């Protein structure tokens, strides 16, 4: 019991760190541009994660394991780069930690739907209920009384980014078997850092001064969000039930909204706050499989 409680506490801390990372990303955009932010933060991320990899995953890696890890890291790293870049661009446009957190969090609802469409994996009614709640909540979050629906370019970028986050999780599920998780995480971060730095020099005009000005945002995202939080997740999920772990980690969206309000970035209307709650409820419901109806002999009834 104590192990379960400590695991859930670590997962909750992970969600808090990831949620407040949206605040750091918003604040960083005052000094640097999206590719610069991602390139430098993931570079710091691989530096901060390297000691963790060496400590937790010691020993030689077989040739086959190395090959699988490289392939998975390349595929997931490219998708992660697309997802994080779209997210950062959306944050730059919207300037909102809460909106970015909740729209990004839709990937938890989209994953089972995508698996049903692509692989015909059975999807429970809870997922469809969660999807309806999430869409209704998103409408309420983006609706302004007297102005109408404020779903603009930034929100579209975040929503497309959510599709890439969905693809990222599916790729990890399909390619991430029989490989060392921390080696894989380090590899995908390295790919993302390399692409971010390349795109930074091609499309942006970075300067050392602007990067120094954004140092706290970059360090938070690079060290805490990547190195520390990912380590906490790996350690905690070994002793936590998968469904409960997913629910706890989904509170990331809630903490992004809380952080946005606390740091004066966001001001939520009553309707917007209700939309956030409805979206959060949809995300949580989508992670809770409904119990199967049982027969009189206490045997699950199959369809």
Protein backbone atom coordinates (compact mmCIF):
# COMPACT_ATOMS: atom_id res chain seq x y z
CA UNK A 1 0.00 0.00 0.00
CA UNK A 2 2.79 2.40 0.94
CA UNK A 3 4.52 1.68 -2.38
CA UNK A 4 1.33 2.44 -4.30
CA UNK A 5 0.81 5.69 -2.43
CA UNK A 6 4.41 6.78 -2.99
CA UNK A 7 4.16 5.87 -6.69
CA UNK A 8 0.97 7.90 -7.11
CA UNK A 9 2.61 10.81 -5.26
CA UNK A 10 5.58 10.70 -7.67
CA UNK A 11 3.22 10.56 -10.66
CA UNK A 12 1.29 13.53 -9.30
CA UNK A 13 4.54 15.46 -8.91
CA UNK A 14 5.37 14.55 -12.50
CA UNK A 15 2.01 15.93 -13.66
CA UNK A 16 2.62 19.16 -11.68
CA UNK A 17 6.05 19.62 -13.29
CA UNK A 18 4.67 18.98 -16.78
CA UNK A 19 1.66 21.22 -16.18
CA UNK A 20 3.75 24.17 -15.02
CA UNK A 21 6.09 23.61 -17.97
CA UNK A 22 3.39 25.24 -20.11
CA UNK A 23 3.86 28.40 -18.03
CA UNK A 24 7.61 28.29 -18.66
CA UNK A 25 6.99 27.80 -22.38
CA UNK A 26 4.71 30.85 -22.52
CA UNK A 27 7.20 33.00 -20.63
CA UNK A 28 10.08 31.84 -22.79
CA UNK A 29 8.32 33.08 -25.92
CA UNK A 30 8.88 36.67 -24.73
CA UNK A 31 12.58 36.25 -25.58
CA UNK A 32 13.07 33.45 -28.11
CA UNK A 33 11.23 31.73 -30.95
CA UNK A 34 9.75 28.21 -31.04
CA UNK A 35 12.57 26.27 -32.73
CA UNK A 36 15.14 27.95 -30.51
CA UNK A 37 13.14 27.04 -27.44
CA UNK A 38 12.80 23.40 -28.41
CA UNK A 39 16.31 22.96 -29.76
CA UNK A 40 18.00 24.33 -26.64
CA UNK A 41 15.58 22.78 -24.11
CA UNK A 42 15.98 19.28 -25.58
CA UNK A 43 19.75 19.76 -25.75
CA UNK A 44 19.71 20.48 -22.02
CA UNK A 45 17.26 17.59 -21.63
CA UNK A 46 19.68 15.02 -23.07
CA UNK A 47 22.48 16.38 -20.88
CA UNK A 48 20.32 16.14 -17.73
CA UNK A 49 19.00 12.68 -18.66
CA UNK A 50 22.39 11.15 -19.45
CA UNK A 51 23.38 10.48 -15.78
CA UNK A 52 19.97 8.87 -15.22
CA UNK A 53 20.48 6.57 -18.23
CA UNK A 54 23.95 5.57 -17.01
CA UNK A 55 22.69 4.91 -13.47
CA UNK A 56 19.43 3.03 -14.16
CA UNK A 57 20.37 1.15 -17.34
CA UNK A 58 23.88 -0.12 -16.85
CA UNK A 59 25.42 -2.98 -18.78
CA UNK A 60 26.04 -3.86 -22.39
CA UNK A 61 23.34 -3.49 -25.00
CA UNK A 62 22.94 -6.28 -27.55
CA UNK A 63 23.20 -5.53 -31.25
CA UNK A 64 19.53 -6.30 -31.89
CA UNK A 65 18.45 -4.20 -28.92
CA UNK A 66 20.62 -1.32 -30.12
CA UNK A 67 19.14 -1.55 -33.62
CA UNK A 68 15.57 -1.49 -32.32
CA UNK A 69 16.37 1.42 -30.01
CA UNK A 70 17.88 3.49 -32.83
CA UNK A 71 14.91 2.86 -35.15
CA UNK A 72 12.38 3.66 -32.42
CA UNK A 73 14.31 6.77 -31.34
CA UNK A 74 14.50 8.11 -34.90
CA UNK A 75 10.81 7.54 -35.63
CA UNK A 76 9.56 8.84 -32.28
CA UNK A 77 12.07 11.70 -32.29
CA UNK A 78 10.83 13.06 -35.62
CA UNK A 79 7.20 12.89 -34.49
CA UNK A 80 8.11 14.39 -31.11
CA UNK A 81 9.82 17.26 -32.92
CA UNK A 82 6.68 17.92 -34.97
CA UNK A 83 4.43 17.70 -31.90
CA UNK A 84 6.56 19.93 -29.69
CA UNK A 85 7.14 22.48 -32.47
CA UNK A 86 3.43 22.80 -33.24
CA UNK A 87 2.73 23.07 -29.53
CA UNK A 88 5.34 25.80 -29.09
CA UNK A 89 4.05 27.71 -32.11
CA UNK A 90 0.51 27.44 -30.77
CA UNK A 91 1.67 28.73 -27.39
CA UNK A 92 3.40 31.65 -29.09
CA UNK A 93 0.14 32.63 -30.83
CA UNK A 94 -2.34 32.01 -28.00
CA UNK A 95 -0.08 33.11 -25.15
CA UNK A 96 -2.09 30.80 -22.89
CA UNK A 97 -0.75 28.01 -20.69
CA UNK A 98 -4.22 26.69 -19.86
CA UNK A 99 -5.52 26.48 -23.43
CA UNK A 100 -2.28 24.84 -24.57
CA UNK A 101 -2.42 22.31 -21.74
CA UNK A 102 -6.02 21.28 -22.31
CA UNK A 103 -5.86 21.06 -26.10
CA UNK A 104 -2.61 19.09 -25.88
CA UNK A 105 -4.24 16.82 -23.28
CA UNK A 106 -6.80 15.71 -25.85
CA UNK A 107 -4.28 13.14 -27.07
CA UNK A 108 -5.32 10.90 -24.16
CA UNK A 109 -8.81 10.73 -25.67
CA UNK A 110 -7.58 10.53 -29.27
CA UNK A 111 -5.23 7.58 -28.72
CA UNK A 112 -7.90 4.85 -28.28
CA UNK A 113 -9.98 6.38 -31.08
CA UNK A 114 -6.97 6.34 -33.42
CA UNK A 115 -6.17 2.75 -32.44
CA UNK A 116 -9.75 1.77 -33.27
CA UNK A 117 -9.60 3.48 -36.68
CA UNK A 118 -6.11 2.27 -37.62
CA UNK A 119 -5.90 -1.15 -35.97
CA UNK A 120 -9.52 -2.00 -35.19
CA UNK A 121 -8.71 -2.27 -31.50
CA UNK A 122 -11.88 -2.39 -29.42
CA UNK A 123 -12.76 0.93 -27.85
CA UNK A 124 -14.97 1.13 -24.79
CA UNK A 125 -18.00 3.37 -24.45
CA UNK A 126 -16.05 5.35 -21.86
CA UNK A 127 -13.75 6.65 -24.62
CA UNK A 128 -16.64 7.94 -26.74
CA UNK A 129 -18.25 9.57 -23.68
CA UNK A 130 -14.89 11.14 -22.86
CA UNK A 131 -14.51 12.39 -26.43
CA UNK A 132 -17.93 14.07 -26.38
CA UNK A 133 -17.13 15.72 -23.03
CA UNK A 134 -13.73 16.87 -24.31
CA UNK A 135 -15.14 18.40 -27.50
CA UNK A 136 -17.96 20.13 -25.59
CA UNK A 137 -15.46 21.41 -23.04
CA UNK A 138 -13.16 22.69 -25.79
CA UNK A 139 -16.07 24.61 -27.29
CA UNK A 140 -16.85 26.21 -23.93
CA UNK A 141 -13.18 27.02 -23.34
CA UNK A 142 -12.86 28.82 -26.68
CA UNK A 143 -16.27 30.53 -26.66
CA UNK A 144 -16.50 34.16 -25.60
CA UNK A 145 -19.89 35.63 -24.71
CA UNK A 146 -20.55 38.49 -27.09
CA UNK A 147 -17.66 37.50 -29.36
CA UNK A 148 -18.54 33.97 -30.38
CA UNK A 149 -16.15 31.07 -30.93
CA UNK A 150 -12.52 32.20 -30.59
CA UNK A 151 -10.84 29.17 -32.15
CA UNK A 152 -8.08 30.69 -34.21
CA UNK A 153 -4.72 29.87 -35.76
CA UNK A 154 -3.01 29.16 -32.44
CA UNK A 155 -5.68 26.72 -31.28
CA UNK A 156 -5.55 24.94 -34.65
CA UNK A 157 -1.78 24.52 -34.32
CA UNK A 158 -2.24 23.07 -30.82
CA UNK A 159 -4.96 20.71 -32.05
CA UNK A 160 -2.80 19.45 -34.93
CA UNK A 161 0.00 19.09 -32.40
CA UNK A 162 -2.30 16.93 -30.29
CA UNK A 163 -2.65 14.59 -33.27
CA UNK A 164 1.14 14.29 -33.41
CA UNK A 165 1.25 13.61 -29.65
CA UNK A 166 -1.27 10.83 -30.35
CA UNK A 167 0.96 9.43 -33.10
CA UNK A 168 3.96 9.68 -30.79
CA UNK A 169 2.35 7.49 -28.14
CA UNK A 170 1.23 4.93 -30.74
CA UNK A 171 4.74 4.75 -32.21
CA UNK A 172 6.18 4.16 -28.75
CA UNK A 173 3.63 1.39 -28.18
CA UNK A 174 4.43 -0.30 -31.51
CA UNK A 175 8.22 0.17 -31.60
CA UNK A 176 9.09 0.52 -27.92
CA UNK A 177 8.99 -3.17 -27.00
CA UNK A 178 12.19 -5.02 -26.03
CA UNK A 179 14.25 -1.85 -25.77
CA UNK A 180 15.62 0.04 -22.80
CA UNK A 181 13.19 2.84 -22.04
CA UNK A 182 15.74 5.40 -20.85
CA UNK A 183 18.09 4.76 -23.77
CA UNK A 184 15.09 5.25 -26.04
CA UNK A 185 14.03 8.46 -24.26
CA UNK A 186 17.55 9.87 -24.54
CA UNK A 187 17.66 8.93 -28.24
CA UNK A 188 14.37 10.59 -29.16
CA UNK A 189 15.33 13.72 -27.20
CA UNK A 190 18.64 13.81 -29.13
CA UNK A 191 16.80 13.61 -32.47
CA UNK A 192 14.41 16.34 -31.38
CA UNK A 193 17.28 18.55 -30.18
CA UNK A 194 19.20 18.10 -33.44
CA UNK A 195 16.18 18.94 -35.62
CA UNK A 196 15.28 21.90 -33.40
CA UNK A 197 18.77 23.38 -33.64
CA UNK A 198 18.88 22.85 -37.43
CA UNK A 199 15.49 24.54 -37.93
CA UNK A 200 16.52 27.27 -35.47
CA UNK A 201 19.45 28.34 -37.66
CA UNK A 202 17.45 28.00 -40.91
CA UNK A 203 14.22 29.79 -39.98
CA UNK A 204 15.08 31.96 -36.97
CA UNK A 205 17.72 34.44 -35.87
CA UNK A 206 18.82 33.21 -32.45
CA UNK A 207 21.20 35.17 -30.27
CA UNK A 208 23.09 34.21 -27.16
CA UNK A 209 21.62 37.21 -25.34
CA UNK A 210 18.01 36.16 -25.99
CA UNK A 211 18.74 32.59 -24.93
CA UNK A 212 20.30 33.88 -21.70
CA UNK A 213 17.21 36.05 -21.11
CA UNK A 214 15.02 32.95 -21.42
CA UNK A 215 17.36 30.82 -19.27
CA UNK A 216 14.89 30.04 -16.48
CA UNK A 217 12.20 28.89 -18.90
CA UNK A 218 14.70 26.79 -20.85
CA UNK A 219 16.22 25.27 -17.71
CA UNK A 220 12.81 24.42 -16.28
CA UNK A 221 11.73 22.68 -19.49
CA UNK A 222 15.10 21.06 -20.10
CA UNK A 223 16.03 19.88 -16.61
CA UNK A 224 12.77 19.52 -14.67
CA UNK A 225 10.29 18.70 -17.46
CA UNK A 226 12.63 16.36 -19.36
CA UNK A 227 15.25 14.97 -16.99
CA UNK A 228 13.57 14.99 -13.57
CA UNK A 229 9.93 14.39 -14.55
CA UNK A 230 10.70 11.60 -17.00
CA UNK A 231 12.82 9.85 -14.36
CA UNK A 232 10.01 10.16 -11.81
CA UNK A 233 7.56 8.71 -14.32
CA UNK A 234 9.77 5.71 -15.11
CA UNK A 235 10.38 4.94 -11.43
CA UNK A 236 6.75 5.43 -10.36
CA UNK A 237 5.05 3.53 -13.19
CA UNK A 238 6.92 0.35 -12.30
CA UNK A 239 4.81 0.11 -9.12
CA UNK A 240 1.55 1.75 -10.21
CA UNK A 241 -1.47 0.33 -12.03
CA UNK A 242 -1.45 1.54 -15.68
CA UNK A 243 -5.02 2.93 -15.60
CA UNK A 244 -4.44 4.84 -12.37
CA UNK A 245 -1.08 6.13 -13.64
CA UNK A 246 -2.75 7.47 -16.80
CA UNK A 247 -5.44 9.23 -14.76
CA UNK A 248 -2.92 10.86 -12.44
CA UNK A 249 -0.70 11.98 -15.32
CA UNK A 250 -3.74 13.44 -17.12
CA UNK A 251 -3.97 16.07 -14.36
CA UNK A 252 -1.13 17.76 -16.23
CA UNK A 253 -3.79 19.74 -18.11
CA UNK A 254 -5.40 20.91 -14.88
CA UNK A 255 -2.06 22.09 -13.50
CA UNK A 256 -1.31 24.00 -16.70
CA UNK A 257 -4.51 26.01 -16.16
CA UNK A 258 -3.74 26.53 -12.46
CA UNK A 259 -0.22 27.67 -13.32
CA UNK A 260 -1.49 30.05 -15.99
CA UNK A 261 -3.82 31.74 -13.50
CA UNK A 262 -1.26 31.82 -10.65
CA UNK A 263 1.38 33.47 -12.84
CA UNK A 264 -1.04 35.99 -14.33
CA UNK A 265 -0.89 34.52 -17.84
CA UNK A 266 -4.52 33.39 -18.09
CA UNK A 267 -7.82 34.77 -16.89
CA UNK A 268 -10.54 32.14 -17.04
CA UNK A 269 -14.19 33.12 -17.42
CA UNK A 270 -16.86 31.08 -15.66
CA UNK A 271 -17.74 29.45 -18.98
CA UNK A 272 -14.07 28.79 -19.76
CA UNK A 273 -13.52 27.31 -16.30
CA UNK A 274 -16.52 25.03 -16.77
CA UNK A 275 -15.11 24.03 -20.15
CA UNK A 276 -11.79 23.11 -18.52
CA UNK A 277 -13.59 20.97 -15.95
CA UNK A 278 -15.62 19.25 -18.64
CA UNK A 279 -12.51 18.57 -20.74
CA UNK A 280 -10.69 17.23 -17.69
CA UNK A 281 -13.67 15.01 -16.88
CA UNK A 282 -13.65 13.71 -20.45
CA UNK A 283 -9.94 12.92 -20.26
CA UNK A 284 -10.36 11.07 -16.96
CA UNK A 285 -13.49 9.18 -18.07
CA UNK A 286 -11.69 8.01 -21.23
CA UNK A 287 -9.08 6.32 -19.01
CA UNK A 288 -11.59 4.42 -16.84
CA UNK A 289 -12.90 1.24 -18.52
CA UNK A 290 -16.50 0.53 -17.55
CA UNK A 291 -17.00 -2.84 -15.87
CA UNK A 292 -18.49 -5.53 -18.04
CA UNK A 293 -22.01 -6.64 -17.21
CA UNK A 294 -21.98 -10.01 -15.47
CA UNK A 295 -24.33 -12.96 -15.68
CA UNK A 296 -26.02 -14.60 -12.72
CA UNK A 297 -23.11 -17.01 -12.48
CA UNK A 298 -20.74 -14.04 -12.14
CA UNK A 299 -19.25 -14.67 -15.59
CA UNK A 300 -18.60 -11.64 -17.84
CA UNK A 301 -21.05 -11.47 -20.73
CA UNK A 302 -19.33 -11.04 -24.10
CA UNK A 303 -20.98 -9.24 -26.97
